[in-house]
C-alpha atoms as a PDB file:
ATOM      1  CA  MET A   1       0.123   0.164   0.448  1.00  0.00           C
ATOM      2  CA  LEU A   2       1.740   3.273  -0.795  1.00  0.00           C
ATOM      3  CA  ALA A   3       0.645   5.812   1.689  1.00  0.00           C
ATOM      4  CA  GLY A   4      -0.842   8.987   1.526  1.00  0.00           C
ATOM      5  CA  ARG A   5      -3.045  11.883   2.851  1.00  0.00           C
ATOM      6  CA  GLU A   6      -4.687  14.628   2.140  1.00  0.00           C
ATOM      7  CA  ASN A   7      -6.453  16.928   4.774  1.00  0.00           C
ATOM      8  CA  GLY A   8      -6.375  14.021   7.520  1.00  0.00           C
ATOM      9  CA  ARG A   9      -7.737  11.617   5.256  1.00  0.00           C
ATOM     10  CA  ASP A  10      -6.536   8.483   3.895  1.00  0.00           C
ATOM     11  CA  THR A  11      -5.783   8.649   0.380  1.00  0.00           C
ATOM     12  CA  SER A  12      -3.468   5.440  -0.093  1.00  0.00           C
ATOM     13  CA  VAL A  13      -3.598   3.420  -2.973  1.00  0.00           C
ATOM     14  CA  ARG A  14      -4.311  -0.380  -1.449  1.00  0.00           C
ATOM     15  CA  ALA A  15      -3.643  -3.372  -3.412  1.00  0.00           C
ATOM     16  CA  PRO A  16      -6.705  -4.853  -3.918  1.00  0.00           C
ATOM     17  CA  THR A  17      -7.338  -8.681  -2.733  1.00  0.00           C
ATOM     18  CA  LEU A  18      -5.501 -11.268  -5.749  1.00  0.00           C
ATOM     19  CA  GLY A  19      -7.606 -14.587  -6.342  1.00  0.00           C
ATOM     20  CA  PRO A  20      -7.325 -17.937  -5.095  1.00  0.00           C
ATOM     21  CA  ARG A  21      -4.427 -19.169  -7.752  1.00  0.00           C
ATOM     22  CA  ALA A  22      -2.540 -15.552  -7.213  1.00  0.00           C
ATOM     23  CA  ALA A  23       0.460 -17.264  -5.364  1.00  0.00           C
ATOM     24  CA  GLU A  24       1.156 -19.043  -8.764  1.00  0.00           C
ATOM     25  CA  ALA A  25       0.906 -15.797 -10.638  1.00  0.00           C
ATOM     26  CA  PRO A  26       4.457 -14.884 -12.479  1.00  0.00           C
ATOM     27  CA  ALA A  27       6.848 -12.507 -11.578  1.00  0.00           C
ATOM     28  CA  LEU A  28       5.223  -9.102 -13.044  1.00  0.00           C
ATOM     29  CA  ARG A  29       7.438  -8.078 -16.402  1.00  0.00           C
ATOM     30  CA  CYS A  30       9.462  -4.502 -15.390  1.00  0.00           C
ATOM     31  CA  TYR A  31       7.549  -1.422 -17.629  1.00  0.00           C
ATOM     32  CA  ARG A  32       8.590   2.020 -17.854  1.00  0.00           C
ATOM     33  CA  PRO A  33       6.897   4.578 -16.352  1.00  0.00           C
ATOM     34  CA  ARG A  34       4.709   5.771 -19.275  1.00  0.00           C
ATOM     35  CA  MET A  35       4.374   9.429 -20.868  1.00  0.00           C
ATOM     36  CA  ALA A  36       1.111  10.787 -20.041  1.00  0.00           C
ATOM     37  CA  ILE A  37      -1.108  12.673 -22.169  1.00  0.00           C
ATOM     38  CA  ARG A  38      -2.793  16.398 -22.514  1.00  0.00           C
ATOM     39  CA  ARG A  39      -4.628  18.164 -24.866  1.00  0.00           C
ATOM     40  CA  ALA A  40      -3.157  21.614 -26.657  1.00  0.00           C
ATOM     41  CA  HIS A  41      -4.485  23.236 -29.533  1.00  0.00           C
ATOM     42  CA  GLY A  42      -7.248  20.598 -30.117  1.00  0.00           C
ATOM     43  CA  ASN A  43      -4.927  17.789 -30.510  1.00  0.00           C
ATOM     44  CA  LEU A  44      -3.632  14.874 -27.638  1.00  0.00           C
ATOM     45  CA  VAL A  45      -0.124  15.898 -27.295  1.00  0.00           C
ATOM     46  CA  LEU A  46       2.787  13.533 -25.174  1.00  0.00           C
ATOM     47  CA  SER A  47       3.644  15.295 -21.670  1.00  0.00           C
ATOM     48  CA  ASP A  48       6.128  14.186 -19.051  1.00  0.00           C
ATOM     49  CA  ALA A  49       4.815  15.624 -16.678  1.00  0.00           C
ATOM     50  CA  PRO A  50       5.228  13.008 -13.481  1.00  0.00           C
ATOM     51  CA  VAL A  51       1.991  10.813 -12.804  1.00  0.00           C
ATOM     52  CA  SER A  52       0.649   9.294  -9.543  1.00  0.00           C
ATOM     53  CA  ALA A  53       1.161   5.564  -8.959  1.00  0.00           C
ATOM     54  CA  ALA A  54      -2.877   4.818  -9.498  1.00  0.00           C
ATOM     55  CA  THR A  55      -2.131   6.311 -12.774  1.00  0.00           C
ATOM     56  CA  LEU A  56       0.746   3.947 -13.273  1.00  0.00           C
ATOM     57  CA  GLU A  57      -1.410   1.012 -12.510  1.00  0.00           C
ATOM     58  CA  LEU A  58      -4.452   1.911 -14.878  1.00  0.00           C
ATOM     59  CA  GLU A  59      -2.278   1.790 -17.849  1.00  0.00           C
ATOM     60  CA  ARG A  60      -0.195  -1.279 -16.451  1.00  0.00           C
ATOM     61  CA  ASP A  61      -2.692  -3.713 -14.508  1.00  0.00           C
ATOM     62  CA  GLY A  62      -6.273  -2.117 -15.754  1.00  0.00           C
ATOM     63  CA  TYR A  63      -6.971  -1.533 -12.586  1.00  0.00           C
ATOM     64  CA  THR A  64      -6.685   0.467  -9.057  1.00  0.00           C
ATOM     65  CA  VAL A  65      -8.028   1.066  -5.700  1.00  0.00           C
ATOM     66  CA  LEU A  66      -7.862   5.433  -4.166  1.00  0.00           C
ATOM     67  CA  CYS A  67      -8.285   4.465  -0.512  1.00  0.00           C
ATOM     68  CA  GLY A  68     -10.480   7.092   2.012  1.00  0.00           C
ATOM     69  CA  VAL A  69     -11.639   8.906  -1.095  1.00  0.00           C
ATOM     70  CA  LEU A  70     -15.214  10.350   0.285  1.00  0.00           C
ATOM     71  CA  ASP A  71     -15.145  11.233   4.525  1.00  0.00           C
ATOM     72  CA  ALA A  72     -18.490  10.185   6.284  1.00  0.00           C
ATOM     73  CA  HIS A  73     -20.424  13.282   5.303  1.00  0.00           C
ATOM     74  CA  ALA A  74     -19.566  12.719   1.427  1.00  0.00           C
ATOM     75  CA  ILE A  75     -20.389   9.335   2.357  1.00  0.00           C
ATOM     76  CA  ASP A  76     -24.060  10.592   4.203  1.00  0.00           C
ATOM     77  CA  ARG A  77     -24.572  12.749   1.308  1.00  0.00           C
ATOM     78  CA  LEU A  78     -24.674  10.439  -1.435  1.00  0.00           C
ATOM     79  CA  SER A  79     -26.427   7.626  -0.120  1.00  0.00           C
ATOM     80  CA  ARG A  80     -29.055  10.422   0.863  1.00  0.00           C
ATOM     81  CA  GLU A  81     -29.334  11.737  -2.489  1.00  0.00           C
ATOM     82  CA  ILE A  82     -29.156   7.999  -4.008  1.00  0.00           C
ATOM     83  CA  ALA A  83     -31.922   6.719  -2.271  1.00  0.00           C
ATOM     84  CA  ALA A  84     -34.268   9.739  -2.767  1.00  0.00           C
ATOM     85  CA  VAL A  85     -34.100   9.320  -6.028  1.00  0.00           C
ATOM     86  CA  PHE A  86     -34.993   5.165  -5.948  1.00  0.00           C
ATOM     87  CA  GLU A  87     -37.675   6.098  -4.269  1.00  0.00           C
ATOM     88  CA  ALA A  88     -38.914   8.779  -6.597  1.00  0.00           C
ATOM     89  CA  VAL A  89     -37.646   7.426 -10.125  1.00  0.00           C
ATOM     90  CA  ASP A  90     -38.510   3.967 -11.582  1.00  0.00           C
ATOM     91  CA  GLU A  91     -36.545   1.812 -14.194  1.00  0.00           C
ATOM     92  CA  PRO A  92     -37.084  -1.081 -15.679  1.00  0.00           C
ATOM     93  CA  ASP A  93     -33.904  -2.756 -13.888  1.00  0.00           C
ATOM     94  CA  PRO A  94     -34.827  -2.261 -10.074  1.00  0.00           C
ATOM     95  CA  GLN A  95     -31.307  -2.249  -9.425  1.00  0.00           C
ATOM     96  CA  PHE A  96     -29.769   0.443 -11.770  1.00  0.00           C
ATOM     97  CA  ARG A  97     -30.482   4.169 -12.002  1.00  0.00           C
ATOM     98  CA  HIS A  98     -29.360   6.647 -14.525  1.00  0.00           C
ATOM     99  CA  GLN A  99     -28.224   9.857 -15.297  1.00  0.00           C
ATOM    100  CA  MET A 100     -27.266  10.481 -11.561  1.00  0.00           C
ATOM    101  CA  LEU A 101     -24.934  13.756 -12.182  1.00  0.00           C
ATOM    102  CA  ASN A 102     -28.361  14.775 -13.515  1.00  0.00           C
ATOM    103  CA  ARG A 103     -30.787  13.896 -10.670  1.00  0.00           C
ATOM    104  CA  GLY A 104     -28.701  15.439  -7.964  1.00  0.00           C
ATOM    105  CA  ALA A 105     -25.613  17.820  -6.110  1.00  0.00           C
ATOM    106  CA  ALA A 106     -24.093  15.500  -4.544  1.00  0.00           C
ATOM    107  CA  CYS A 107     -23.280  13.071  -7.450  1.00  0.00           C
ATOM    108  CA  GLN A 108     -22.041  15.649  -9.600  1.00  0.00           C
ATOM    109  CA  ASP A 109     -19.619  16.717  -6.983  1.00  0.00           C
ATOM    110  CA  ALA A 110     -18.451  13.540  -6.162  1.00  0.00           C
ATOM    111  CA  VAL A 111     -17.832  12.647 -10.180  1.00  0.00           C
ATOM    112  CA  GLY A 112     -15.243  15.546 -10.345  1.00  0.00           C
ATOM    113  CA  HIS A 113     -13.397  14.349  -6.894  1.00  0.00           C
ATOM    114  CA  PRO A 114      -9.821  15.786  -7.649  1.00  0.00           C
ATOM    115  CA  ALA A 115      -8.417  12.455  -6.033  1.00  0.00           C
ATOM    116  CA  ILE A 116     -10.188  10.707  -9.360  1.00  0.00           C
ATOM    117  CA  LEU A 117      -9.174  13.319 -12.153  1.00  0.00           C
ATOM    118  CA  GLU A 118      -5.964  13.272 -10.956  1.00  0.00           C
ATOM    119  CA  ALA A 119      -5.483   9.634 -11.819  1.00  0.00           C
ATOM    120  CA  ILE A 120      -7.478   9.348 -14.811  1.00  0.00           C
ATOM    121  CA  GLU A 121      -6.303  12.948 -16.278  1.00  0.00           C
ATOM    122  CA  PRO A 122      -2.814  11.260 -17.567  1.00  0.00           C
ATOM    123  CA  LEU A 123      -4.877   8.841 -19.450  1.00  0.00           C
ATOM    124  CA  LEU A 124      -7.721  10.451 -21.431  1.00  0.00           C
ATOM    125  CA  GLY A 125      -6.848  14.056 -21.377  1.00  0.00           C
ATOM    126  CA  ASP A 126      -7.150  16.672 -18.775  1.00  0.00           C
ATOM    127  CA  ASP A 127     -10.730  17.725 -21.062  1.00  0.00           C
ATOM    128  CA  CYS A 128     -11.945  13.990 -20.741  1.00  0.00           C
ATOM    129  CA  HIS A 129     -15.621  13.807 -19.730  1.00  0.00           C
ATOM    130  CA  VAL A 130     -18.004  11.910 -17.642  1.00  0.00           C
ATOM    131  CA  ILE A 131     -19.885   9.649 -20.820  1.00  0.00           C
ATOM    132  CA  ALA A 132     -22.296   7.995 -18.298  1.00  0.00           C
ATOM    133  CA  ASN A 133     -22.995   7.738 -14.432  1.00  0.00           C
ATOM    134  CA  THR A 134     -25.292   5.126 -12.908  1.00  0.00           C
ATOM    135  CA  ALA A 135     -26.321   4.401  -9.467  1.00  0.00           C
ATOM    136  CA  TRP A 136     -26.060   0.764  -8.203  1.00  0.00           C
ATOM    137  CA  ARG A 137     -27.767  -1.146  -5.515  1.00  0.00           C
ATOM    138  CA  ASN A 138     -27.377  -4.926  -5.259  1.00  0.00           C
ATOM    139  CA  ALA A 139     -29.121  -6.968  -3.364  1.00  0.00           C
ATOM    140  CA  PRO A 140     -27.497  -9.167  -1.435  1.00  0.00           C
ATOM    141  CA  MET A 141     -27.965 -11.640  -3.601  1.00  0.00           C
ATOM    142  CA  PHE A 142     -26.682 -10.557  -6.412  1.00  0.00           C
ATOM    143  CA  GLY A 143     -26.065 -13.252  -8.971  1.00  0.00           C
ATOM    144  CA  GLY A 144     -22.987 -12.078 -10.400  1.00  0.00           C
ATOM    145  CA  GLN A 145     -21.893 -11.757 -14.173  1.00  0.00           C
ATOM    146  CA  GLY A 146     -19.870 -13.513 -16.651  1.00  0.00           C
ATOM    147  CA  TRP A 147     -16.111 -11.845 -17.657  1.00  0.00           C
ATOM    148  CA  HIS A 148     -16.211  -8.939 -20.693  1.00  0.00           C
ATOM    149  CA  CYS A 149     -15.021  -5.711 -21.753  1.00  0.00           C
ATOM    150  CA  ASP A 150     -16.720  -2.806 -22.210  1.00  0.00           C
ATOM    151  CA  ALA A 151     -17.577  -1.644 -25.491  1.00  0.00           C
ATOM    152  CA  GLY A 152     -13.664  -2.563 -26.339  1.00  0.00           C
ATOM    153  CA  PRO A 153     -11.360  -3.451 -26.726  1.00  0.00           C
ATOM    154  CA  HIS A 154     -11.150   0.353 -28.524  1.00  0.00           C
ATOM    155  CA  VAL A 155      -6.984  -1.515 -30.252  1.00  0.00           C
ATOM    156  CA  PRO A 156      -8.672  -4.847 -31.188  1.00  0.00           C
ATOM    157  CA  ARG A 157      -5.787  -7.384 -32.849  1.00  0.00           C
ATOM    158  CA  PRO A 158      -5.047 -11.119 -32.248  1.00  0.00           C
ATOM    159  CA  GLU A 159      -4.019 -13.218 -30.564  1.00  0.00           C
ATOM    160  CA  GLY A 160      -0.405 -13.735 -30.644  1.00  0.00           C
ATOM    161  CA  VAL A 161       0.582 -10.345 -31.742  1.00  0.00           C
ATOM    162  CA  PRO A 162       2.092  -8.236 -28.951  1.00  0.00           C
ATOM    163  CA  TRP A 163       2.037  -4.756 -28.468  1.00  0.00           C
ATOM    164  CA  ASP A 164       5.006  -3.097 -27.850  1.00  0.00           C
ATOM    165  CA  ASP A 165       5.526  -1.884 -24.918  1.00  0.00           C
ATOM    166  CA  ARG A 166       7.600   1.212 -25.924  1.00  0.00           C
ATOM    167  CA  ILE A 167       4.973   2.459 -26.470  1.00  0.00           C
ATOM    168  CA  PRO A 168       2.044   3.347 -23.791  1.00  0.00           C
ATOM    169  CA  TYR A 169      -1.596   1.510 -23.892  1.00  0.00           C
ATOM    170  CA  PRO A 170      -3.673   3.576 -25.119  1.00  0.00           C
ATOM    171  CA  VAL A 171      -7.075   4.163 -22.834  1.00  0.00           C
ATOM    172  CA  PHE A 172     -10.340   5.144 -23.976  1.00  0.00           C
ATOM    173  CA  ALA A 173     -12.185   4.646 -20.949  1.00  0.00           C
ATOM    174  CA  VAL A 174     -12.575   4.562 -17.423  1.00  0.00           C
ATOM    175  CA  ALA A 175     -15.184   3.046 -14.933  1.00  0.00           C
ATOM    176  CA  ALA A 176     -14.702   4.758 -11.569  1.00  0.00           C
ATOM    177  CA  HIS A 177     -17.272   2.635  -8.487  1.00  0.00           C
ATOM    178  CA  LEU A 178     -17.361   4.961  -5.370  1.00  0.00           C
ATOM    179  CA  LEU A 179     -18.489   2.744  -2.796  1.00  0.00           C
ATOM    180  CA  LEU A 180     -21.175   3.553   0.304  1.00  0.00           C
ATOM    181  CA  ARG A 181     -20.429   1.335   2.223  1.00  0.00           C
ATOM    182  CA  ASP A 182     -18.124  -2.211   2.232  1.00  0.00           C
ATOM    183  CA  CYS A 183     -17.446  -3.957  -0.488  1.00  0.00           C
ATOM    184  CA  THR A 184     -15.858  -7.330   0.794  1.00  0.00           C
ATOM    185  CA  ARG A 185     -16.175 -10.947  -1.184  1.00  0.00           C
ATOM    186  CA  PRO A 186     -19.337 -12.080   0.448  1.00  0.00           C
ATOM    187  CA  CYS A 187     -20.790  -9.129  -1.158  1.00  0.00           C
ATOM    188  CA  GLY A 188     -20.082  -9.790  -4.784  1.00  0.00           C
ATOM    189  CA  PRO A 189     -17.298  -7.793  -5.538  1.00  0.00           C
ATOM    190  CA  THR A 190     -15.790  -6.724  -9.302  1.00  0.00           C
ATOM    191  CA  ALA A 191     -12.879  -8.825 -10.306  1.00  0.00           C
ATOM    192  CA  VAL A 192     -10.398  -8.071 -13.250  1.00  0.00           C
ATOM    193  CA  VAL A 193      -8.261 -10.111 -14.350  1.00  0.00           C
ATOM    194  CA  PRO A 194      -4.890  -7.560 -14.378  1.00  0.00           C
ATOM    195  CA  GLY A 195      -2.746  -6.641 -17.900  1.00  0.00           C
ATOM    196  CA  SER A 196      -6.276  -7.834 -20.047  1.00  0.00           C
ATOM    197  CA  HIS A 197      -6.997  -4.678 -21.338  1.00  0.00           C
ATOM    198  CA  ARG A 198      -3.914  -4.968 -23.444  1.00  0.00           C
ATOM    199  CA  SER A 199      -4.671  -7.905 -24.541  1.00  0.00           C
ATOM    200  CA  GLY A 200      -6.344  -6.198 -27.365  1.00  0.00           C
ATOM    201  CA  ARG A 201      -9.427  -8.840 -27.498  1.00  0.00           C
ATOM    202  CA  LEU A 202     -12.373  -9.840 -25.619  1.00  0.00           C
ATOM    203  CA  PRO A 203     -13.113 -12.564 -22.641  1.00  0.00           C
ATOM    204  CA  PRO A 204     -12.882 -16.445 -24.221  1.00  0.00           C
ATOM    205  CA  ALA A 205     -16.306 -17.598 -24.596  1.00  0.00           C
ATOM    206  CA  ASP A 206     -16.035 -20.592 -23.260  1.00  0.00           C
ATOM    207  CA  ARG A 207     -14.760 -19.211 -19.705  1.00  0.00           C
ATOM    208  CA  LYS A 208     -17.180 -16.094 -18.945  1.00  0.00           C
ATOM    209  CA  ASP A 209     -18.032 -17.559 -16.007  1.00  0.00           C
ATOM    210  CA  ASP A 210     -14.482 -19.178 -15.213  1.00  0.00           C
ATOM    211  CA  PRO A 211     -13.033 -18.026 -11.951  1.00  0.00           C
ATOM    212  CA  ASP A 212      -9.564 -18.984 -12.604  1.00  0.00           C
ATOM    213  CA  LEU A 213      -9.790 -17.088 -15.800  1.00  0.00           C
ATOM    214  CA  THR A 214      -5.662 -15.846 -16.290  1.00  0.00           C
ATOM    215  CA  TYR A 215      -4.414 -13.390 -19.345  1.00  0.00           C
ATOM    216  CA  ASP A 216      -0.260 -13.283 -19.355  1.00  0.00           C
ATOM    217  CA  GLY A 217      -0.621 -16.020 -16.240  1.00  0.00           C
ATOM    218  CA  ARG A 218      -1.885 -13.373 -13.806  1.00  0.00           C
ATOM    219  CA  PRO A 219      -5.453 -14.641 -12.200  1.00  0.00           C
ATOM    220  CA  PRO A 220      -8.254 -12.328 -11.043  1.00  0.00           C
ATOM    221  CA  ALA A 221      -7.888  -9.534  -7.992  1.00  0.00           C
ATOM    222  CA  LEU A 222     -10.540  -8.838  -6.264  1.00  0.00           C
ATOM    223  CA  LEU A 223     -11.466  -5.342  -5.935  1.00  0.00           C
ATOM    224  CA  GLU A 224     -13.001  -5.200  -2.099  1.00  0.00           C
ATOM    225  CA  GLY A 225     -13.019  -2.151  -0.635  1.00  0.00           C
ATOM    226  CA  ARG A 226     -14.383   0.431   2.410  1.00  0.00           C
ATOM    227  CA  ALA A 227     -16.800   3.063   2.501  1.00  0.00           C
ATOM    228  CA  GLY A 228     -14.954   6.589   0.450  1.00  0.00           C
ATOM    229  CA  ASP A 229     -13.242   4.397  -0.951  1.00  0.00           C
ATOM    230  CA  VAL A 230     -13.225   4.744  -5.166  1.00  0.00           C
ATOM    231  CA  LEU A 231     -12.489   1.804  -7.654  1.00  0.00           C
ATOM    232  CA  LEU A 232     -11.147   2.107 -10.691  1.00  0.00           C
ATOM    233  CA  PHE A 233     -10.485   0.071 -13.971  1.00  0.00           C
ATOM    234  CA  VAL A 234     -10.135   0.772 -17.142  1.00  0.00           C
ATOM    235  CA  SER A 235     -12.922  -0.361 -19.506  1.00  0.00           C
ATOM    236  CA  ASP A 236     -11.020  -2.948 -22.350  1.00  0.00           C
ATOM    237  CA  VAL A 237      -9.850  -4.538 -18.617  1.00  0.00           C
ATOM    238  CA  TRP A 238     -12.204  -8.536 -18.582  1.00  0.00           C
ATOM    239  CA  HIS A 239     -14.155  -8.322 -15.459  1.00  0.00           C
ATOM    240  CA  ARG A 240     -16.981  -9.659 -13.878  1.00  0.00           C
ATOM    241  CA  GLY A 241     -19.154  -8.725 -11.068  1.00  0.00           C
ATOM    242  CA  LEU A 242     -19.034 -12.112  -8.959  1.00  0.00           C
ATOM    243  CA  PRO A 243     -21.971 -13.784  -7.286  1.00  0.00           C
ATOM    244  CA  ALA A 244     -22.237 -12.450  -3.931  1.00  0.00           C
ATOM    245  CA  GLU A 245     -22.003 -15.411  -1.450  1.00  0.00           C
ATOM    246  CA  PRO A 246     -24.446 -15.929   2.514  1.00  0.00           C
ATOM    247  CA  ALA A 247     -23.204 -13.281   4.379  1.00  0.00           C
ATOM    248  CA  GLY A 248     -23.316 -10.783   1.558  1.00  0.00           C
ATOM    249  CA  THR A 249     -24.986  -7.748   2.531  1.00  0.00           C
ATOM    250  CA  GLY A 250     -24.910  -6.283  -1.144  1.00  0.00           C
ATOM    251  CA  ARG A 251     -23.786  -3.868  -3.175  1.00  0.00           C
ATOM    252  CA  PHE A 252     -24.192   0.452  -2.888  1.00  0.00           C
ATOM    253  CA  PHE A 253     -21.929   2.283  -5.429  1.00  0.00           C
ATOM    254  CA  LEU A 254     -22.065   5.669  -7.247  1.00  0.00           C
ATOM    255  CA  GLN A 255     -20.631   4.384 -10.843  1.00  0.00           C
ATOM    256  CA  ALA A 256     -19.292   7.374 -13.539  1.00  0.00           C
ATOM    257  CA  HIS A 257     -17.717   6.000 -16.430  1.00  0.00           C
ATOM    258  CA  TYR A 258     -14.896   8.883 -18.001  1.00  0.00           C
ATOM    259  CA  ALA A 259     -13.494   9.037 -21.361  1.00  0.00           C
ATOM    260  CA  ARG A 260     -11.678  10.953 -23.543  1.00  0.00           C
ATOM    261  CA  ARG A 261     -13.417  14.255 -25.670  1.00  0.00           C
ATOM    262  CA  ASP A 262     -13.757  12.086 -28.741  1.00  0.00           C
ATOM    263  CA  ILE A 263     -16.289   9.648 -27.130  1.00  0.00           C
ATOM    264  CA  ALA A 264     -19.515  11.233 -26.662  1.00  0.00           C
ATOM    265  CA  GLN A 265     -21.836  11.249 -23.610  1.00  0.00           C
ATOM    266  CA  ARG A 266     -24.286   8.520 -23.349  1.00  0.00           C
ATOM    267  CA  LEU A 267     -26.070   9.905 -19.788  1.00  0.00           C
ATOM    268  CA  LYS A 268     -29.248   9.508 -22.101  1.00  0.00           C
ATOM    269  CA  PRO A 269     -29.799   6.874 -25.146  1.00  0.00           C
ATOM    270  CA  SER A 270     -29.497   8.728 -28.098  1.00  0.00           C
ATOM    271  CA  CYS A 271     -33.258   8.653 -28.924  1.00  0.00           C
ATOM    272  CA  GLU A 272     -33.911  10.871 -26.617  1.00  0.00           C
ATOM    273  CA  ALA A 273     -30.556  13.367 -26.599  1.00  0.00           C
ATOM    274  CA  HIS A 274     -29.231  13.414 -30.686  1.00  0.00           C
ATOM    275  CA  GLN A 275     -28.520  16.888 -32.834  1.00  0.00           C
ATOM    276  CA  LEU A 276     -31.403  15.656 -36.011  1.00  0.00           C
ATOM    277  CA  SER A 277     -34.009  18.012 -36.615  1.00  0.00           C
ATOM    278  CA  PRO A 278     -37.650  17.047 -36.798  1.00  0.00           C
ATOM    279  CA  GLU A 279     -37.035  16.965 -40.638  1.00  0.00           C
ATOM    280  CA  SER A 280     -34.053  15.023 -40.696  1.00  0.00           C
ATOM    281  CA  LEU A 281     -35.348  12.916 -38.300  1.00  0.00           C
ATOM    282  CA  ALA A 282     -38.544  12.023 -40.607  1.00  0.00           C
ATOM    283  CA  ARG A 283     -36.314  11.948 -43.736  1.00  0.00           C
ATOM    284  CA  ILE A 284     -34.682   8.336 -42.322  1.00  0.00           C
ATOM    285  CA  ALA A 285     -35.781   5.576 -44.743  1.00  0.00           C
ATOM    286  CA  SER A 286     -33.807   2.681 -43.320  1.00  0.00           C
ATOM    287  CA  PRO A 287     -32.173   1.127 -39.915  1.00  0.00           C
ATOM    288  CA  ARG A 288     -28.284   1.957 -41.687  1.00  0.00           C
ATOM    289  CA  GLU A 289     -29.218   5.092 -42.072  1.00  0.00           C
ATOM    290  CA  ARG A 290     -30.807   5.985 -38.156  1.00  0.00           C
ATOM    291  CA  LEU A 291     -26.998   4.481 -37.217  1.00  0.00           C
ATOM    292  CA  LEU A 292     -25.631   6.726 -39.578  1.00  0.00           C
ATOM    293  CA  LEU A 293     -27.113   9.805 -38.324  1.00  0.00           C
ATOM    294  CA  GLY A 294     -26.624   9.132 -34.566  1.00  0.00           C
ATOM    295  CA  LEU A 295     -29.551   7.142 -33.608  1.00  0.00           C
ATOM    296  CA  HIS A 296     -28.101   3.864 -31.780  1.00  0.00           C
ATOM    297  CA  GLU A 297     -29.838   1.490 -29.880  1.00  0.00           C
ATOM    298  CA  ARG A 298     -28.995   1.098 -26.322  1.00  0.00           C
ATOM    299  CA  HIS A 299     -25.786  -0.719 -24.807  1.00  0.00           C
ATOM    300  CA  PHE A 300     -23.005  -0.259 -22.942  1.00  0.00           C
ATOM    301  CA  TYR A 301     -23.233   2.994 -20.820  1.00  0.00           C
ATOM    302  CA  ASP A 302     -26.404   4.459 -22.809  1.00  0.00           C
ATOM    303  CA  GLY A 303     -28.747   5.828 -20.039  1.00  0.00           C
END
C-alpha cells in the first residue's frame, strides 16, 4: 500500500485482493514509467509530467483502488441523495438509476473529485468527460455477471501479436465505483484480470464464468474496498461482478464512466439526446440510416 493523507483523510492506493491462485502468478514484467497525454490546441500531445502511482497501475494493470476518497459526510450525503432517487424514479431494472449527475448535486460533485481526476486525466486527457453516471444498489444475493469488457477492445488485435511496450497503451474510458458501503468477497465485488486490457481481445466466450481465468499468467484480482474508497478500472480490462455469498449485504455505489473527449456522452440514450432536426428524423428511410445519423440502440454506458 502506498501511504498518503490529505486533509486528515487516508488517500493511499491499496493493492486489491488477489484471486485464489495469486501465489502461482509469475513475476510481473518491468514497465518503464509512461508518458501522459494532454490536450493542446485541440490535439492530444505527450507530456512528461509526473503521474501518480494510481495512474501507472491503471495503465499497466488496468485497475487500481483509491482509499478514503470520500469522507463520512460525503458518503452520507451521497447515500441519502441516491436513496431518494431510487424511491422517486422508476427504471426497468430496480438495481439501477441512470443520469445521476442530472438528479442531484452530491452526485455531480462526487464525479469531479480531484483524487479521481488526478488518476485518470494523464491517461484520458485533461479535457476528459463523464459519459455515464449510474447508481447501483444490488440485493444481498446479487447473481453476478460473466467476464466481459465495456464496449471494447478499443484497439483490437489477434492473439499472438504482442504490444510494443515502448508505446504507452491507449486508454479510452475508465470506470469508477465510488463505494457507499463496504464491499467484501461475500457481497459480490468486481473482479478483474490484470493486464487483460492490453490483450486487444474479448474474454474467451467459453470461459465467461471461469473463476480461474488468467491473462499472461496473471489470475483475477478482487476489487474489495471500504465505504469511501474508489475502485478504478479501464473499460477494456476483462471484469465481472462476482456472485454474492450468503453472508453478503449487497452492493451500493455510484458508478461513473470517464472517457476521452472524442467519445460521445451517453447519459441519455441517443433517441432522447441527439442533434437531428424533426425534418431529418422524418427523412430516415432505413435502419442503417438511423445508425449513420447517430440514433443507436442502447448498449454499454447508455442511460
